[in-house]
C-alpha atoms as a PDB file:
ATOM      1  CA  UNK A   1      15.910 -16.657 -14.062  1.00  0.00           C
ATOM      2  CA  UNK A   2      14.936 -13.704 -16.243  1.00  0.00           C
ATOM      3  CA  UNK A   3      12.742 -11.726 -13.843  1.00  0.00           C
ATOM      4  CA  UNK A   4      11.214  -9.695 -16.686  1.00  0.00           C
ATOM      5  CA  UNK A   5      10.045 -12.824 -18.513  1.00  0.00           C
ATOM      6  CA  UNK A   6       6.402 -13.756 -17.908  1.00  0.00           C
ATOM      7  CA  UNK A   7       7.096 -17.394 -18.817  1.00  0.00           C
ATOM      8  CA  UNK A   8       9.745 -17.583 -16.117  1.00  0.00           C
ATOM      9  CA  UNK A   9       6.956 -16.980 -13.607  1.00  0.00           C
ATOM     10  CA  UNK A  10       4.604 -19.508 -15.166  1.00  0.00           C
ATOM     11  CA  UNK A  11       2.562 -17.059 -17.244  1.00  0.00           C
ATOM     12  CA  UNK A  12       2.101 -16.661 -20.982  1.00  0.00           C
ATOM     13  CA  UNK A  13       0.242 -13.938 -22.869  1.00  0.00           C
ATOM     14  CA  UNK A  14      -1.995 -15.354 -25.610  1.00  0.00           C
ATOM     15  CA  UNK A  15      -3.985 -13.601 -28.352  1.00  0.00           C
ATOM     16  CA  UNK A  16      -6.942 -14.746 -30.457  1.00  0.00           C
ATOM     17  CA  UNK A  17      -6.928 -12.761 -33.688  1.00  0.00           C
ATOM     18  CA  UNK A  18      -9.378 -12.031 -36.485  1.00  0.00           C
ATOM     19  CA  UNK A  19      -7.967 -10.366 -39.596  1.00  0.00           C
ATOM     20  CA  UNK A  20      -9.532  -9.246 -42.889  1.00  0.00           C
ATOM     21  CA  UNK A  21      -9.253 -12.217 -45.270  1.00  0.00           C
ATOM     22  CA  UNK A  22      -8.575 -11.943 -49.000  1.00  0.00           C
ATOM     23  CA  UNK A  23     -10.017 -15.036 -50.636  1.00  0.00           C
ATOM     24  CA  UNK A  24      -7.607 -17.208 -52.646  1.00  0.00           C
ATOM     25  CA  UNK A  25      -4.635 -14.932 -51.845  1.00  0.00           C
ATOM     26  CA  UNK A  26      -2.441 -16.827 -49.356  1.00  0.00           C
ATOM     27  CA  UNK A  27       0.539 -14.488 -49.653  1.00  0.00           C
ATOM     28  CA  UNK A  28      -1.562 -11.382 -49.036  1.00  0.00           C
ATOM     29  CA  UNK A  29      -3.078 -13.020 -45.968  1.00  0.00           C
ATOM     30  CA  UNK A  30       0.374 -14.092 -44.793  1.00  0.00           C
ATOM     31  CA  UNK A  31       1.555 -10.472 -44.866  1.00  0.00           C
ATOM     32  CA  UNK A  32      -1.458  -9.448 -42.764  1.00  0.00           C
ATOM     33  CA  UNK A  33      -0.633 -12.183 -40.254  1.00  0.00           C
ATOM     34  CA  UNK A  34       3.021 -11.139 -40.132  1.00  0.00           C
ATOM     35  CA  UNK A  35       2.065  -7.506 -39.495  1.00  0.00           C
ATOM     36  CA  UNK A  36      -0.337  -8.478 -36.711  1.00  0.00           C
ATOM     37  CA  UNK A  37       2.221 -10.868 -35.175  1.00  0.00           C
ATOM     38  CA  UNK A  38       4.783  -8.067 -35.048  1.00  0.00           C
ATOM     39  CA  UNK A  39       2.346  -5.778 -33.243  1.00  0.00           C
ATOM     40  CA  UNK A  40       1.419  -8.492 -30.770  1.00  0.00           C
ATOM     41  CA  UNK A  41       5.040  -9.428 -30.086  1.00  0.00           C
ATOM     42  CA  UNK A  42       5.742  -5.800 -29.154  1.00  0.00           C
ATOM     43  CA  UNK A  43       2.934  -6.101 -26.577  1.00  0.00           C
ATOM     44  CA  UNK A  44       4.477  -9.188 -24.987  1.00  0.00           C
ATOM     45  CA  UNK A  45       2.241 -11.796 -26.652  1.00  0.00           C
ATOM     46  CA  UNK A  46       3.996 -15.159 -26.922  1.00  0.00           C
ATOM     47  CA  UNK A  47       1.281 -17.177 -28.680  1.00  0.00           C
ATOM     48  CA  UNK A  48      -1.164 -15.846 -31.297  1.00  0.00           C
ATOM     49  CA  UNK A  49      -3.832 -17.877 -33.043  1.00  0.00           C
ATOM     50  CA  UNK A  50      -5.673 -16.959 -36.231  1.00  0.00           C
ATOM     51  CA  UNK A  51      -8.895 -18.310 -37.805  1.00  0.00           C
ATOM     52  CA  UNK A  52      -9.543 -21.571 -39.614  1.00  0.00           C
ATOM     53  CA  UNK A  53      -8.189 -21.594 -43.191  1.00  0.00           C
ATOM     54  CA  UNK A  54      -7.088 -17.988 -42.746  1.00  0.00           C
ATOM     55  CA  UNK A  55      -4.339 -18.299 -45.364  1.00  0.00           C
ATOM     56  CA  UNK A  56      -6.807 -19.038 -48.148  1.00  0.00           C
ATOM     57  CA  UNK A  57     -10.198 -18.113 -46.780  1.00  0.00           C
ATOM     58  CA  UNK A  58     -12.788 -20.696 -45.776  1.00  0.00           C
ATOM     59  CA  UNK A  59     -15.290 -20.223 -48.597  1.00  0.00           C
ATOM     60  CA  UNK A  60     -13.196 -21.334 -51.586  1.00  0.00           C
ATOM     61  CA  UNK A  61     -15.020 -24.655 -52.090  1.00  0.00           C
ATOM     62  CA  UNK A  62     -13.581 -26.392 -55.225  1.00  0.00           C
ATOM     63  CA  UNK A  63     -10.690 -23.933 -55.387  1.00  0.00           C
ATOM     64  CA  UNK A  64      -9.136 -25.734 -52.411  1.00  0.00           C
ATOM     65  CA  UNK A  65      -8.058 -28.466 -54.834  1.00  0.00           C
ATOM     66  CA  UNK A  66      -6.211 -26.092 -57.185  1.00  0.00           C
ATOM     67  CA  UNK A  67      -2.452 -26.697 -57.256  1.00  0.00           C
ATOM     68  CA  UNK A  68      -1.801 -22.954 -57.550  1.00  0.00           C
ATOM     69  CA  UNK A  69      -3.631 -22.310 -54.276  1.00  0.00           C
ATOM     70  CA  UNK A  70      -1.839 -25.129 -52.466  1.00  0.00           C
ATOM     71  CA  UNK A  71       1.588 -24.041 -53.741  1.00  0.00           C
ATOM     72  CA  UNK A  72       0.970 -20.457 -52.629  1.00  0.00           C
ATOM     73  CA  UNK A  73      -0.189 -21.731 -49.251  1.00  0.00           C
ATOM     74  CA  UNK A  74       3.142 -23.503 -48.792  1.00  0.00           C
ATOM     75  CA  UNK A  75       4.941 -20.302 -49.776  1.00  0.00           C
ATOM     76  CA  UNK A  76       2.833 -18.347 -47.305  1.00  0.00           C
ATOM     77  CA  UNK A  77       3.712 -20.708 -44.450  1.00  0.00           C
ATOM     78  CA  UNK A  78       7.418 -20.413 -45.309  1.00  0.00           C
ATOM     79  CA  UNK A  79       7.104 -16.620 -45.445  1.00  0.00           C
ATOM     80  CA  UNK A  80       5.481 -16.446 -42.012  1.00  0.00           C
ATOM     81  CA  UNK A  81       8.170 -18.726 -40.576  1.00  0.00           C
ATOM     82  CA  UNK A  82      10.931 -16.567 -42.039  1.00  0.00           C
ATOM     83  CA  UNK A  83       9.465 -13.167 -41.133  1.00  0.00           C
ATOM     84  CA  UNK A  84       8.557 -14.086 -37.541  1.00  0.00           C
ATOM     85  CA  UNK A  85      11.718 -16.094 -36.798  1.00  0.00           C
ATOM     86  CA  UNK A  86      13.229 -13.471 -34.500  1.00  0.00           C
ATOM     87  CA  UNK A  87      10.002 -11.926 -33.201  1.00  0.00           C
ATOM     88  CA  UNK A  88       9.740 -14.123 -30.118  1.00  0.00           C
ATOM     89  CA  UNK A  89       6.168 -15.104 -30.936  1.00  0.00           C
ATOM     90  CA  UNK A  90       4.566 -18.381 -32.022  1.00  0.00           C
ATOM     91  CA  UNK A  91       1.632 -18.158 -34.443  1.00  0.00           C
ATOM     92  CA  UNK A  92      -1.016 -20.740 -35.270  1.00  0.00           C
ATOM     93  CA  UNK A  93      -2.689 -20.368 -38.657  1.00  0.00           C
ATOM     94  CA  UNK A  94      -5.302 -22.277 -40.609  1.00  0.00           C
ATOM     95  CA  UNK A  95      -4.312 -23.775 -43.955  1.00  0.00           C
ATOM     96  CA  UNK A  96      -5.213 -26.543 -46.416  1.00  0.00           C
ATOM     97  CA  UNK A  97      -2.376 -29.077 -46.574  1.00  0.00           C
ATOM     98  CA  UNK A  98      -1.839 -31.881 -49.054  1.00  0.00           C
ATOM     99  CA  UNK A  99      -0.450 -34.865 -47.137  1.00  0.00           C
ATOM    100  CA  UNK A 100       0.061 -38.240 -48.847  1.00  0.00           C
ATOM    101  CA  UNK A 101      -2.204 -37.119 -51.722  1.00  0.00           C
ATOM    102  CA  UNK A 102      -5.035 -36.255 -49.333  1.00  0.00           C
ATOM    103  CA  UNK A 103      -6.201 -32.735 -48.563  1.00  0.00           C
ATOM    104  CA  UNK A 104      -6.597 -31.775 -44.906  1.00  0.00           C
ATOM    105  CA  UNK A 105      -7.985 -28.704 -43.147  1.00  0.00           C
ATOM    106  CA  UNK A 106      -5.153 -27.965 -40.718  1.00  0.00           C
ATOM    107  CA  UNK A 107      -3.957 -25.837 -37.829  1.00  0.00           C
ATOM    108  CA  UNK A 108      -0.282 -25.052 -38.471  1.00  0.00           C
ATOM    109  CA  UNK A 109       1.916 -23.893 -35.587  1.00  0.00           C
ATOM    110  CA  UNK A 110       4.914 -21.758 -36.570  1.00  0.00           C
ATOM    111  CA  UNK A 111       7.682 -20.474 -34.305  1.00  0.00           C
ATOM    112  CA  UNK A 112      11.394 -19.619 -34.265  1.00  0.00           C
ATOM    113  CA  UNK A 113      11.558 -19.881 -38.050  1.00  0.00           C
ATOM    114  CA  UNK A 114      10.081 -23.381 -38.319  1.00  0.00           C
ATOM    115  CA  UNK A 115       6.802 -25.222 -38.597  1.00  0.00           C
ATOM    116  CA  UNK A 116       6.465 -26.853 -35.188  1.00  0.00           C
ATOM    117  CA  UNK A 117       3.295 -28.887 -35.629  1.00  0.00           C
ATOM    118  CA  UNK A 118       0.384 -29.499 -38.018  1.00  0.00           C
ATOM    119  CA  UNK A 119      -2.969 -30.769 -36.838  1.00  0.00           C
ATOM    120  CA  UNK A 120      -5.766 -32.032 -39.139  1.00  0.00           C
ATOM    121  CA  UNK A 121      -9.426 -31.297 -38.468  1.00  0.00           C
ATOM    122  CA  UNK A 122     -11.247 -34.418 -37.297  1.00  0.00           C
ATOM    123  CA  UNK A 123     -14.933 -33.448 -37.429  1.00  0.00           C
ATOM    124  CA  UNK A 124     -15.813 -32.292 -40.951  1.00  0.00           C
ATOM    125  CA  UNK A 125     -19.313 -30.783 -41.078  1.00  0.00           C
ATOM    126  CA  UNK A 126     -21.416 -31.686 -44.096  1.00  0.00           C
ATOM    127  CA  UNK A 127     -24.781 -30.252 -43.121  1.00  0.00           C
ATOM    128  CA  UNK A 128     -26.641 -26.991 -43.834  1.00  0.00           C
ATOM    129  CA  UNK A 129     -24.118 -24.477 -45.195  1.00  0.00           C
ATOM    130  CA  UNK A 130     -21.085 -26.755 -44.751  1.00  0.00           C
ATOM    131  CA  UNK A 131     -19.533 -28.911 -47.507  1.00  0.00           C
ATOM    132  CA  UNK A 132     -16.157 -29.894 -46.070  1.00  0.00           C
ATOM    133  CA  UNK A 133     -16.283 -33.646 -46.832  1.00  0.00           C
ATOM    134  CA  UNK A 134     -16.358 -32.707 -50.529  1.00  0.00           C
ATOM    135  CA  UNK A 135     -12.833 -31.305 -50.300  1.00  0.00           C
ATOM    136  CA  UNK A 136     -11.096 -32.535 -47.167  1.00  0.00           C
ATOM    137  CA  UNK A 137     -10.105 -35.798 -45.531  1.00  0.00           C
ATOM    138  CA  UNK A 138     -10.867 -36.075 -41.822  1.00  0.00           C
ATOM    139  CA  UNK A 139      -8.087 -36.680 -39.348  1.00  0.00           C
ATOM    140  CA  UNK A 140      -8.656 -38.951 -36.372  1.00  0.00           C
ATOM    141  CA  UNK A 141      -7.731 -38.454 -32.720  1.00  0.00           C
ATOM    142  CA  UNK A 142      -5.110 -41.193 -33.213  1.00  0.00           C
ATOM    143  CA  UNK A 143      -3.488 -39.499 -36.218  1.00  0.00           C
ATOM    144  CA  UNK A 144       0.239 -39.303 -35.561  1.00  0.00           C
ATOM    145  CA  UNK A 145       3.078 -39.320 -38.064  1.00  0.00           C
ATOM    146  CA  UNK A 146       5.829 -37.095 -39.424  1.00  0.00           C
ATOM    147  CA  UNK A 147       5.523 -35.474 -42.831  1.00  0.00           C
ATOM    148  CA  UNK A 148       7.659 -33.169 -44.930  1.00  0.00           C
ATOM    149  CA  UNK A 149       6.387 -29.584 -45.103  1.00  0.00           C
ATOM    150  CA  UNK A 150       8.532 -26.970 -46.815  1.00  0.00           C
ATOM    151  CA  UNK A 151      11.530 -29.330 -46.785  1.00  0.00           C
ATOM    152  CA  UNK A 152      11.301 -29.974 -43.029  1.00  0.00           C
ATOM    153  CA  UNK A 153      10.048 -32.959 -41.075  1.00  0.00           C
ATOM    154  CA  UNK A 154       6.991 -31.906 -39.108  1.00  0.00           C
ATOM    155  CA  UNK A 155       4.785 -33.763 -36.642  1.00  0.00           C
ATOM    156  CA  UNK A 156       1.305 -34.230 -38.139  1.00  0.00           C
ATOM    157  CA  UNK A 157      -0.942 -35.247 -35.292  1.00  0.00           C
ATOM    158  CA  UNK A 158      -3.865 -34.512 -32.993  1.00  0.00           C
ATOM    159  CA  UNK A 159      -1.732 -34.843 -29.865  1.00  0.00           C
ATOM    160  CA  UNK A 160      -0.670 -31.976 -27.553  1.00  0.00           C
ATOM    161  CA  UNK A 161       2.814 -30.596 -28.057  1.00  0.00           C
ATOM    162  CA  UNK A 162       5.333 -28.170 -26.609  1.00  0.00           C
ATOM    163  CA  UNK A 163       6.726 -24.927 -28.027  1.00  0.00           C
ATOM    164  CA  UNK A 164      10.442 -24.071 -28.048  1.00  0.00           C
ATOM    165  CA  UNK A 165      11.117 -21.114 -25.791  1.00  0.00           C
ATOM    166  CA  UNK A 166       8.093 -21.731 -23.571  1.00  0.00           C
ATOM    167  CA  UNK A 167       9.316 -24.461 -21.232  1.00  0.00           C
ATOM    168  CA  UNK A 168       6.691 -26.413 -19.355  1.00  0.00           C
ATOM    169  CA  UNK A 169       3.804 -25.236 -21.558  1.00  0.00           C
ATOM    170  CA  UNK A 170       1.749 -27.931 -23.290  1.00  0.00           C
ATOM    171  CA  UNK A 171      -0.786 -26.842 -25.899  1.00  0.00           C
ATOM    172  CA  UNK A 172      -3.230 -28.553 -28.217  1.00  0.00           C
ATOM    173  CA  UNK A 173      -4.942 -27.313 -31.350  1.00  0.00           C
ATOM    174  CA  UNK A 174      -8.316 -28.130 -32.810  1.00  0.00           C
ATOM    175  CA  UNK A 175     -10.499 -26.692 -35.542  1.00  0.00           C
ATOM    176  CA  UNK A 176     -14.045 -25.351 -35.310  1.00  0.00           C
ATOM    177  CA  UNK A 177     -16.386 -28.372 -35.488  1.00  0.00           C
ATOM    178  CA  UNK A 178     -13.992 -30.429 -33.350  1.00  0.00           C
ATOM    179  CA  UNK A 179     -15.332 -28.473 -30.372  1.00  0.00           C
ATOM    180  CA  UNK A 180     -18.985 -29.057 -31.288  1.00  0.00           C
ATOM    181  CA  UNK A 181     -18.788 -32.771 -32.121  1.00  0.00           C
ATOM    182  CA  UNK A 182     -20.135 -35.300 -29.625  1.00  0.00           C
ATOM    183  CA  UNK A 183     -16.716 -36.989 -29.392  1.00  0.00           C
ATOM    184  CA  UNK A 184     -14.855 -33.729 -28.897  1.00  0.00           C
ATOM    185  CA  UNK A 185     -11.085 -33.969 -29.099  1.00  0.00           C
ATOM    186  CA  UNK A 186     -10.504 -31.386 -26.360  1.00  0.00           C
ATOM    187  CA  UNK A 187     -11.330 -33.943 -23.689  1.00  0.00           C
ATOM    188  CA  UNK A 188      -8.561 -36.226 -24.927  1.00  0.00           C
ATOM    189  CA  UNK A 189      -6.109 -33.333 -25.246  1.00  0.00           C
ATOM    190  CA  UNK A 190      -6.764 -32.278 -21.661  1.00  0.00           C
ATOM    191  CA  UNK A 191      -6.266 -35.829 -20.466  1.00  0.00           C
ATOM    192  CA  UNK A 192      -2.912 -35.841 -22.260  1.00  0.00           C
ATOM    193  CA  UNK A 193      -1.780 -32.731 -20.392  1.00  0.00           C
ATOM    194  CA  UNK A 194      -2.792 -29.744 -22.522  1.00  0.00           C
ATOM    195  CA  UNK A 195      -2.821 -26.513 -20.521  1.00  0.00           C
ATOM    196  CA  UNK A 196      -4.000 -24.398 -23.449  1.00  0.00           C
ATOM    197  CA  UNK A 197      -6.368 -25.602 -26.156  1.00  0.00           C
ATOM    198  CA  UNK A 198      -6.533 -23.399 -29.231  1.00  0.00           C
ATOM    199  CA  UNK A 199      -9.522 -23.587 -31.568  1.00  0.00           C
ATOM    200  CA  UNK A 200      -9.247 -22.076 -35.050  1.00  0.00           C
ATOM    201  CA  UNK A 201     -12.728 -21.405 -36.384  1.00  0.00           C
ATOM    202  CA  UNK A 202     -14.640 -19.922 -39.308  1.00  0.00           C
ATOM    203  CA  UNK A 203     -18.023 -20.241 -37.684  1.00  0.00           C
ATOM    204  CA  UNK A 204     -20.736 -18.373 -39.652  1.00  0.00           C
ATOM    205  CA  UNK A 205     -22.588 -15.342 -38.345  1.00  0.00           C
ATOM    206  CA  UNK A 206     -26.021 -16.887 -37.856  1.00  0.00           C
ATOM    207  CA  UNK A 207     -28.520 -15.731 -35.221  1.00  0.00           C
ATOM    208  CA  UNK A 208     -27.374 -16.655 -31.719  1.00  0.00           C
ATOM    209  CA  UNK A 209     -24.054 -18.131 -32.861  1.00  0.00           C
ATOM    210  CA  UNK A 210     -21.872 -15.639 -30.987  1.00  0.00           C
ATOM    211  CA  UNK A 211     -23.615 -16.549 -27.725  1.00  0.00           C
ATOM    212  CA  UNK A 212     -23.169 -20.242 -28.460  1.00  0.00           C
ATOM    213  CA  UNK A 213     -19.462 -19.784 -29.206  1.00  0.00           C
ATOM    214  CA  UNK A 214     -18.922 -18.084 -25.849  1.00  0.00           C
ATOM    215  CA  UNK A 215     -20.811 -20.892 -24.141  1.00  0.00           C
ATOM    216  CA  UNK A 216     -18.737 -23.611 -25.812  1.00  0.00           C
ATOM    217  CA  UNK A 217     -15.435 -21.900 -24.990  1.00  0.00           C
ATOM    218  CA  UNK A 218     -16.357 -21.212 -21.349  1.00  0.00           C
ATOM    219  CA  UNK A 219     -17.680 -24.737 -20.908  1.00  0.00           C
ATOM    220  CA  UNK A 220     -14.539 -26.317 -22.401  1.00  0.00           C
ATOM    221  CA  UNK A 221     -12.264 -24.200 -20.208  1.00  0.00           C
ATOM    222  CA  UNK A 222     -14.195 -25.202 -17.080  1.00  0.00           C
ATOM    223  CA  UNK A 223     -14.509 -28.892 -17.918  1.00  0.00           C
ATOM    224  CA  UNK A 224     -10.920 -29.388 -19.051  1.00  0.00           C
ATOM    225  CA  UNK A 225      -9.269 -27.114 -16.442  1.00  0.00           C
ATOM    226  CA  UNK A 226      -7.352 -25.270 -19.121  1.00  0.00           C
ATOM    227  CA  UNK A 227      -7.310 -22.023 -21.067  1.00  0.00           C
ATOM    228  CA  UNK A 228      -9.518 -22.396 -24.135  1.00  0.00           C
ATOM    229  CA  UNK A 229      -8.622 -19.900 -26.869  1.00  0.00           C
ATOM    230  CA  UNK A 230     -11.065 -19.443 -29.751  1.00  0.00           C
ATOM    231  CA  UNK A 231     -10.230 -17.453 -32.894  1.00  0.00           C
ATOM    232  CA  UNK A 232     -13.184 -16.812 -35.205  1.00  0.00           C
ATOM    233  CA  UNK A 233     -13.350 -15.561 -38.781  1.00  0.00           C
ATOM    234  CA  UNK A 234     -13.574 -11.847 -39.458  1.00  0.00           C
ATOM    235  CA  UNK A 235     -14.151  -9.544 -42.420  1.00  0.00           C
ATOM    236  CA  UNK A 236     -13.854 -11.044 -45.902  1.00  0.00           C
ATOM    237  CA  UNK A 237     -15.532 -14.386 -45.337  1.00  0.00           C
END
C-alpha cells in the first residue's frame, strides 16, 4: 500500500470549481479548465467538477444547435483528455452532446486521457427564465447505452460508475434541475451505491437562491448518506 496516497486510506480530495466562462468559445473554456485542473492536481485533488455547460456557456439558446459549436465542443473534450492524461486528476465538465441526432445537456467525466462516462440531464426546466426543452432532449433514469465520442466507446447513462485509479469509489453525476425535481435522480443513484454525487449547475443568481442551493446540497448529503458536490456557474454567465 502507498502510505502517502489518500485513496489507499479510503479518502479522496474533491473540488467544486467555478471558472470565468467565455460564451460560445469551447476551446478557450477548455484551456481554463486544464489550467485549473493542473493547479488542483498539485494540491492533491483527485476529482474536480465544473459547472453545467461550462464548455460552451449556459446562455447560448439557439446557438447550441450550431454545428460549429458542437464540433468545437468535441475538440475541447479531446483537448482536456489529452492535457490532463498524466495529471492524476479526473475532471467532470458540462457540455452539449449530439447523440443519435438528439442534443443532450451532459455531464462528461474525463480521466487518464479518456472520456470515462457521459450522463444526460433528465429534468429539463421550461419555466420562468429557462428554455431547455427548446434545445435539448431529456434523458431518463433508465438511460443506458454505449455511444462513440471522439472515436471511443463511452457509457452514456444515468447510472453510478467507477473511476480508474480510485478503487472502491462509486460516483454519480447529475445536472442542476435533477436535484430540484420531485423525482430526483440522486435517490436512485444512492440506492445503486453512489458514495459521491456530483451536481453540475448553472443556477441563476436570484434572491435567496444561494441559500436554497446550500439547503438542497446539505439535505441530499444527509438523506443519501453520501458526499454531495455542487458546482455552480461563475463569472461570464
